[in-house]
PDB file of all heavy atoms in Angstrom:
ATOM      1  N   ASP A   1      61.405  12.198  -0.698  1.00  0.00           N
ATOM      2  CA  ASP A   1      62.394  11.650  -1.639  1.00  0.00           C
ATOM      3  C   ASP A   1      62.822  12.766  -2.583  1.00  0.00           C
ATOM      4  O   ASP A   1      62.123  13.053  -3.559  1.00  0.00           O
ATOM      5  CB  ASP A   1      61.796  10.487  -2.425  1.00  0.00           C
ATOM      6  CG  ASP A   1      62.748   9.918  -3.471  1.00  0.00           C
ATOM      7  OD1 ASP A   1      63.910  10.365  -3.542  1.00  0.00           O
ATOM      8  OD2 ASP A   1      62.322   9.022  -4.216  1.00  0.00           O
ATOM      9  N   PRO A   2      63.955  13.402  -2.323  1.00  0.00           N
ATOM     10  CA  PRO A   2      64.410  14.515  -3.154  1.00  0.00           C
ATOM     11  C   PRO A   2      64.610  14.150  -4.627  1.00  0.00           C
ATOM     12  O   PRO A   2      64.554  15.015  -5.495  1.00  0.00           O
ATOM     13  CB  PRO A   2      65.741  14.925  -2.518  1.00  0.00           C
ATOM     14  CG  PRO A   2      65.635  14.457  -1.108  1.00  0.00           C
ATOM     15  CD  PRO A   2      64.815  13.198  -1.162  1.00  0.00           C
ATOM     16  N   ALA A   3      64.807  12.862  -4.907  1.00  0.00           N
ATOM     17  CA  ALA A   3      65.014  12.424  -6.288  1.00  0.00           C
ATOM     18  C   ALA A   3      63.709  12.039  -6.990  1.00  0.00           C
ATOM     19  O   ALA A   3      63.725  11.658  -8.162  1.00  0.00           O
ATOM     20  CB  ALA A   3      65.975  11.238  -6.314  1.00  0.00           C
ATOM     21  N   ALA A   4      62.586  12.158  -6.292  1.00  0.00           N
ATOM     22  CA  ALA A   4      61.297  11.760  -6.873  1.00  0.00           C
ATOM     23  C   ALA A   4      60.961  12.613  -8.088  1.00  0.00           C
ATOM     24  O   ALA A   4      61.213  13.816  -8.105  1.00  0.00           O
ATOM     25  CB  ALA A   4      60.190  11.886  -5.833  1.00  0.00           C
ATOM     26  N   LYS A   5      60.382  11.964  -9.080  1.00  0.00           N
ATOM     27  CA  LYS A   5      59.855  12.672 -10.249  1.00  0.00           C
ATOM     28  C   LYS A   5      58.352  12.784 -10.052  1.00  0.00           C
ATOM     29  O   LYS A   5      57.669  11.777  -9.848  1.00  0.00           O
ATOM     30  CB  LYS A   5      60.179  11.913 -11.532  1.00  0.00           C
ATOM     31  CG  LYS A   5      61.664  11.882 -11.827  1.00  0.00           C
ATOM     32  CD  LYS A   5      61.947  11.158 -13.118  1.00  0.00           C
ATOM     33  CE  LYS A   5      63.448  11.101 -13.368  1.00  0.00           C
ATOM     34  NZ  LYS A   5      63.765  10.341 -14.578  1.00  0.00           N
ATOM     35  N   VAL A   6      57.849  14.016 -10.106  1.00  0.00           N
ATOM     36  CA  VAL A   6      56.439  14.271  -9.818  1.00  0.00           C
ATOM     37  C   VAL A   6      55.789  14.902 -11.044  1.00  0.00           C
ATOM     38  O   VAL A   6      56.295  15.884 -11.582  1.00  0.00           O
ATOM     39  CB  VAL A   6      56.292  15.217  -8.611  1.00  0.00           C
ATOM     40  CG1 VAL A   6      54.823  15.432  -8.270  1.00  0.00           C
ATOM     41  CG2 VAL A   6      57.050  14.689  -7.402  1.00  0.00           C
ATOM     42  N   ALA A   7      54.670  14.331 -11.472  1.00  0.00           N
ATOM     43  CA  ALA A   7      53.889  14.894 -12.571  1.00  0.00           C
ATOM     44  C   ALA A   7      52.471  15.114 -12.056  1.00  0.00           C
ATOM     45  O   ALA A   7      51.851  14.195 -11.516  1.00  0.00           O
ATOM     46  CB  ALA A   7      53.876  13.946 -13.768  1.00  0.00           C
ATOM     47  N   VAL A   8      51.973  16.336 -12.218  1.00  0.00           N
ATOM     48  CA  VAL A   8      50.643  16.681 -11.716  1.00  0.00           C
ATOM     49  C   VAL A   8      49.757  17.105 -12.872  1.00  0.00           C
ATOM     50  O   VAL A   8      50.146  17.929 -13.687  1.00  0.00           O
ATOM     51  CB  VAL A   8      50.725  17.830 -10.685  1.00  0.00           C
ATOM     52  CG1 VAL A   8      49.336  18.217 -10.207  1.00  0.00           C
ATOM     53  CG2 VAL A   8      51.608  17.439  -9.514  1.00  0.00           C
ATOM     54  N   ASN A   9      48.562  16.521 -12.933  1.00  0.00           N
ATOM     55  CA  ASN A   9      47.550  16.949 -13.886  1.00  0.00           C
ATOM     56  C   ASN A   9      46.476  17.661 -13.080  1.00  0.00           C
ATOM     57  O   ASN A   9      45.690  17.023 -12.381  1.00  0.00           O
ATOM     58  CB  ASN A   9      46.969  15.755 -14.651  1.00  0.00           C
ATOM     59  CG  ASN A   9      45.982  16.187 -15.701  1.00  0.00           C
ATOM     60  OD1 ASN A   9      45.213  17.128 -15.518  1.00  0.00           O
ATOM     61  ND2 ASN A   9      45.989  15.486 -16.825  1.00  0.00           N
ATOM     62  N   LEU A  10      46.488  18.978 -13.159  1.00  0.00           N
ATOM     63  CA  LEU A  10      45.562  19.776 -12.354  1.00  0.00           C
ATOM     64  C   LEU A  10      44.114  19.571 -12.790  1.00  0.00           C
ATOM     65  O   LEU A  10      43.201  19.632 -11.967  1.00  0.00           O
ATOM     66  CB  LEU A  10      45.960  21.248 -12.460  1.00  0.00           C
ATOM     67  CG  LEU A  10      45.545  22.185 -11.347  1.00  0.00           C
ATOM     68  CD1 LEU A  10      45.894  21.644  -9.975  1.00  0.00           C
ATOM     69  CD2 LEU A  10      46.186  23.545 -11.546  1.00  0.00           C
ATOM     70  N   ASP A  11      43.882  19.288 -14.068  1.00  0.00           N
ATOM     71  CA  ASP A  11      42.516  19.078 -14.557  1.00  0.00           C
ATOM     72  C   ASP A  11      41.878  17.826 -13.966  1.00  0.00           C
ATOM     73  O   ASP A  11      40.701  17.826 -13.612  1.00  0.00           O
ATOM     74  CB  ASP A  11      42.499  18.992 -16.083  1.00  0.00           C
ATOM     75  CG  ASP A  11      42.838  20.314 -16.745  1.00  0.00           C
ATOM     76  OD1 ASP A  11      42.567  21.383 -16.143  1.00  0.00           O
ATOM     77  OD2 ASP A  11      43.385  20.292 -17.864  1.00  0.00           O
ATOM     78  N   THR A  12      42.667  16.745 -13.875  1.00  0.00           N
ATOM     79  CA  THR A  12      42.129  15.488 -13.354  1.00  0.00           C
ATOM     80  C   THR A  12      42.436  15.278 -11.878  1.00  0.00           C
ATOM     81  O   THR A  12      41.973  14.309 -11.281  1.00  0.00           O
ATOM     82  CB  THR A  12      42.685  14.286 -14.143  1.00  0.00           C
ATOM     83  OG1 THR A  12      44.109  14.259 -13.990  1.00  0.00           O
ATOM     84  CG2 THR A  12      42.309  14.365 -15.611  1.00  0.00           C
ATOM     85  N   LYS A  13      43.246  16.198 -11.297  1.00  0.00           N
ATOM     86  CA  LYS A  13      43.631  16.137  -9.885  1.00  0.00           C
ATOM     87  C   LYS A  13      44.478  14.904  -9.565  1.00  0.00           C
ATOM     88  O   LYS A  13      44.491  14.405  -8.454  1.00  0.00           O
ATOM     89  CB  LYS A  13      42.411  16.142  -8.952  1.00  0.00           C
ATOM     90  CG  LYS A  13      41.360  17.174  -9.281  1.00  0.00           C
ATOM     91  CD  LYS A  13      41.790  18.556  -8.939  1.00  0.00           C
ATOM     92  CE  LYS A  13      40.591  19.504  -9.111  1.00  0.00           C
ATOM     93  NZ  LYS A  13      40.923  20.875  -8.951  1.00  0.00           N
ATOM     94  N   VAL A  14      45.225  14.419 -10.565  1.00  0.00           N
ATOM     95  CA  VAL A  14      46.053  13.223 -10.400  1.00  0.00           C
ATOM     96  C   VAL A  14      47.515  13.621 -10.252  1.00  0.00           C
ATOM     97  O   VAL A  14      48.028  14.438 -11.008  1.00  0.00           O
ATOM     98  CB  VAL A  14      45.881  12.259 -11.597  1.00  0.00           C
ATOM     99  CG1 VAL A  14      46.877  11.111 -11.528  1.00  0.00           C
ATOM    100  CG2 VAL A  14      44.460  11.720 -11.629  1.00  0.00           C
ATOM    101  N   VAL A  15      48.159  13.011  -9.260  1.00  0.00           N
ATOM    102  CA  VAL A  15      49.592  13.195  -9.032  1.00  0.00           C
ATOM    103  C   VAL A  15      50.261  11.850  -9.293  1.00  0.00           C
ATOM    104  O   VAL A  15      49.887  10.842  -8.688  1.00  0.00           O
ATOM    105  CB  VAL A  15      49.868  13.636  -7.578  1.00  0.00           C
ATOM    106  CG1 VAL A  15      51.354  13.797  -7.339  1.00  0.00           C
ATOM    107  CG2 VAL A  15      49.119  14.916  -7.250  1.00  0.00           C
ATOM    108  N   GLU A  16      51.219  11.832 -10.221  1.00  0.00           N
ATOM    109  CA  GLU A  16      51.973  10.630 -10.514  1.00  0.00           C
ATOM    110  C   GLU A  16      53.391  10.820  -9.978  1.00  0.00           C
ATOM    111  O   GLU A  16      54.010  11.846 -10.237  1.00  0.00           O
ATOM    112  CB  GLU A  16      52.017  10.357 -12.009  1.00  0.00           C
ATOM    113  CG  GLU A  16      50.663  10.056 -12.592  1.00  0.00           C
ATOM    114  CD  GLU A  16      50.703   9.771 -14.082  1.00  0.00           C
ATOM    115  OE1 GLU A  16      51.638  10.252 -14.768  1.00  0.00           O
ATOM    116  OE2 GLU A  16      49.805   9.072 -14.549  1.00  0.00           O
ATOM    117  N   VAL A  17      53.871   9.823  -9.241  1.00  0.00           N
ATOM    118  CA  VAL A  17      55.175   9.932  -8.597  1.00  0.00           C
ATOM    119  C   VAL A  17      56.022   8.717  -8.935  1.00  0.00           C
ATOM    120  O   VAL A  17      55.579   7.580  -8.760  1.00  0.00           O
ATOM    121  CB  VAL A  17      55.024  10.028  -7.056  1.00  0.00           C
ATOM    122  CG1 VAL A  17      56.387  10.173  -6.399  1.00  0.00           C
ATOM    123  CG2 VAL A  17      54.106  11.178  -6.677  1.00  0.00           C
ATOM    124  N   GLU A  18      57.232   8.979  -9.415  1.00  0.00           N
ATOM    125  CA  GLU A  18      58.229   7.934  -9.568  1.00  0.00           C
ATOM    126  C   GLU A  18      59.203   8.113  -8.422  1.00  0.00           C
ATOM    127  O   GLU A  18      59.898   9.125  -8.339  1.00  0.00           O
ATOM    128  CB  GLU A  18      58.973   8.064 -10.900  1.00  0.00           C
ATOM    129  CG  GLU A  18      58.163   7.643 -12.094  1.00  0.00           C
ATOM    130  CD  GLU A  18      58.967   7.674 -13.378  1.00  0.00           C
ATOM    131  OE1 GLU A  18      60.144   7.275 -13.354  1.00  0.00           O
ATOM    132  OE2 GLU A  18      58.412   8.115 -14.381  1.00  0.00           O
ATOM    133  N   SER A  19      59.224   7.128  -7.504  1.00  0.00           N
ATOM    134  CA  SER A  19      60.019   7.260  -6.293  1.00  0.00           C
ATOM    135  C   SER A  19      60.321   5.883  -5.726  1.00  0.00           C
ATOM    136  O   SER A  19      59.570   4.930  -5.945  1.00  0.00           O
ATOM    137  CB  SER A  19      59.243   8.081  -5.259  1.00  0.00           C
ATOM    138  OG  SER A  19      59.921   8.100  -4.029  1.00  0.00           O
ATOM    139  N   THR A  20      61.397   5.825  -4.965  1.00  0.00           N
ATOM    140  CA  THR A  20      61.702   4.598  -4.240  1.00  0.00           C
ATOM    141  C   THR A  20      61.040   4.591  -2.867  1.00  0.00           C
ATOM    142  O   THR A  20      61.058   3.586  -2.169  1.00  0.00           O
ATOM    143  CB  THR A  20      63.230   4.436  -4.068  1.00  0.00           C
ATOM    144  OG1 THR A  20      63.735   5.592  -3.395  1.00  0.00           O
ATOM    145  CG2 THR A  20      63.920   4.283  -5.417  1.00  0.00           C
ATOM    146  N   ALA A  21      60.454   5.707  -2.476  1.00  0.00           N
ATOM    147  CA  ALA A  21      59.770   5.796  -1.178  1.00  0.00           C
ATOM    148  C   ALA A  21      58.445   5.038  -1.217  1.00  0.00           C
ATOM    149  O   ALA A  21      57.825   4.879  -2.271  1.00  0.00           O
ATOM    150  CB  ALA A  21      59.525   7.258  -0.815  1.00  0.00           C
ATOM    151  N   ALA A  22      58.010   4.612  -0.059  1.00  0.00           N
ATOM    152  CA  ALA A  22      56.736   3.891   0.053  1.00  0.00           C
ATOM    153  C   ALA A  22      55.569   4.822  -0.249  1.00  0.00           C
ATOM    154  O   ALA A  22      55.590   6.006   0.104  1.00  0.00           O
ATOM    155  CB  ALA A  22      56.585   3.325   1.463  1.00  0.00           C
ATOM    156  N   ALA A  23      54.555   4.275  -0.894  1.00  0.00           N
ATOM    157  CA  ALA A  23      53.368   5.059  -1.236  1.00  0.00           C
ATOM    158  C   ALA A  23      52.726   5.662   0.005  1.00  0.00           C
ATOM    159  O   ALA A  23      52.255   6.799  -0.019  1.00  0.00           O
ATOM    160  CB  ALA A  23      52.363   4.189  -1.994  1.00  0.00           C
ATOM    161  N   ALA A  24      52.734   4.920   1.105  1.00  0.00           N
ATOM    162  CA  ALA A  24      52.132   5.422   2.344  1.00  0.00           C
ATOM    163  C   ALA A  24      52.869   6.658   2.850  1.00  0.00           C
ATOM    164  O   ALA A  24      52.247   7.604   3.339  1.00  0.00           O
ATOM    165  CB  ALA A  24      52.124   4.329   3.405  1.00  0.00           C
ATOM    166  N   ALA A  25      54.182   6.665   2.724  1.00  0.00           N
ATOM    167  CA  ALA A  25      54.969   7.821   3.169  1.00  0.00           C
ATOM    168  C   ALA A  25      54.692   9.030   2.282  1.00  0.00           C
ATOM    169  O   ALA A  25      54.589  10.163   2.772  1.00  0.00           O
ATOM    170  CB  ALA A  25      56.456   7.486   3.155  1.00  0.00           C
ATOM    171  N   LEU A  26      54.549   8.799   0.991  1.00  0.00           N
ATOM    172  CA  LEU A  26      54.252   9.893   0.059  1.00  0.00           C
ATOM    173  C   LEU A  26      52.859  10.452   0.328  1.00  0.00           C
ATOM    174  O   LEU A  26      52.664  11.673   0.369  1.00  0.00           O
ATOM    175  CB  LEU A  26      54.370   9.405  -1.382  1.00  0.00           C
ATOM    176  CG  LEU A  26      55.756   8.898  -1.789  1.00  0.00           C
ATOM    177  CD1 LEU A  26      55.692   8.254  -3.166  1.00  0.00           C
ATOM    178  CD2 LEU A  26      56.782  10.017  -1.760  1.00  0.00           C
ATOM    179  N   SER A  27      51.902   9.567   0.524  1.00  0.00           N
ATOM    180  CA  SER A  27      50.532   9.987   0.815  1.00  0.00           C
ATOM    181  C   SER A  27      50.478  10.792   2.110  1.00  0.00           C
ATOM    182  O   SER A  27      49.809  11.834   2.187  1.00  0.00           O
ATOM    183  CB  SER A  27      49.627   8.758   0.911  1.00  0.00           C
ATOM    184  OG  SER A  27      48.318   9.122   1.246  1.00  0.00           O
ATOM    185  N   ALA A  28      51.196  10.333   3.122  1.00  0.00           N
ATOM    186  CA  ALA A  28      51.222  11.032   4.401  1.00  0.00           C
ATOM    187  C   ALA A  28      51.827  12.430   4.243  1.00  0.00           C
ATOM    188  O   ALA A  28      51.331  13.395   4.842  1.00  0.00           O
ATOM    189  CB  ALA A  28      52.010  10.225   5.427  1.00  0.00           C
ATOM    190  N   ALA A  29      52.851  12.553   3.433  1.00  0.00           N
ATOM    191  CA  ALA A  29      53.484  13.860   3.211  1.00  0.00           C
ATOM    192  C   ALA A  29      52.519  14.825   2.537  1.00  0.00           C
ATOM    193  O   ALA A  29      52.449  16.002   2.894  1.00  0.00           O
ATOM    194  CB  ALA A  29      54.753  13.699   2.385  1.00  0.00           C
ATOM    195  N   ILE A  30      51.759  14.327   1.568  1.00  0.00           N
ATOM    196  CA  ILE A  30      50.772  15.165   0.879  1.00  0.00           C
ATOM    197  C   ILE A  30      49.693  15.613   1.866  1.00  0.00           C
ATOM    198  O   ILE A  30      49.297  16.778   1.892  1.00  0.00           O
ATOM    199  CB  ILE A  30      50.168  14.424  -0.331  1.00  0.00           C
ATOM    200  CG1 ILE A  30      51.250  14.185  -1.394  1.00  0.00           C
ATOM    201  CG2 ILE A  30      48.994  15.204  -0.923  1.00  0.00           C
ATOM    202  CD1 ILE A  30      50.836  13.234  -2.509  1.00  0.00           C
ATOM    203  N   THR A  31      49.247  14.682   2.700  1.00  0.00           N
ATOM    204  CA  THR A  31      48.238  15.002   3.715  1.00  0.00           C
ATOM    205  C   THR A  31      48.773  16.025   4.717  1.00  0.00           C
ATOM    206  O   THR A  31      48.071  16.983   5.070  1.00  0.00           O
ATOM    207  CB  THR A  31      47.784  13.713   4.435  1.00  0.00           C
ATOM    208  OG1 THR A  31      47.239  12.811   3.463  1.00  0.00           O
ATOM    209  CG2 THR A  31      46.738  14.012   5.480  1.00  0.00           C
ATOM    210  N   GLU A  32      50.010  15.842   5.154  1.00  0.00           N
ATOM    211  CA  GLU A  32      50.606  16.768   6.116  1.00  0.00           C
ATOM    212  C   GLU A  32      50.781  18.165   5.515  1.00  0.00           C
ATOM    213  O   GLU A  32      50.807  19.157   6.247  1.00  0.00           O
ATOM    214  CB  GLU A  32      51.948  16.231   6.601  1.00  0.00           C
ATOM    215  CG  GLU A  32      51.796  15.059   7.543  1.00  0.00           C
ATOM    216  CD  GLU A  32      53.117  14.395   7.901  1.00  0.00           C
ATOM    217  OE1 GLU A  32      54.175  15.019   7.709  1.00  0.00           O
ATOM    218  OE2 GLU A  32      53.079  13.250   8.362  1.00  0.00           O
ATOM    219  N   ALA A  33      50.858  18.244   4.187  1.00  0.00           N
ATOM    220  CA  ALA A  33      50.976  19.543   3.515  1.00  0.00           C
ATOM    221  C   ALA A  33      49.618  20.235   3.422  1.00  0.00           C
ATOM    222  O   ALA A  33      49.523  21.357   2.916  1.00  0.00           O
ATOM    223  CB  ALA A  33      51.575  19.365   2.125  1.00  0.00           C
TER     224      ALA A  33
END
């Protein structure tokens, strides 16, 4: 989702995403990376 807003907290290892895409698709993309 090119329009996704991504916020990463490296200390807590948390990625917050504001997106219209499904969570499963986002998770799969992170895994594929």
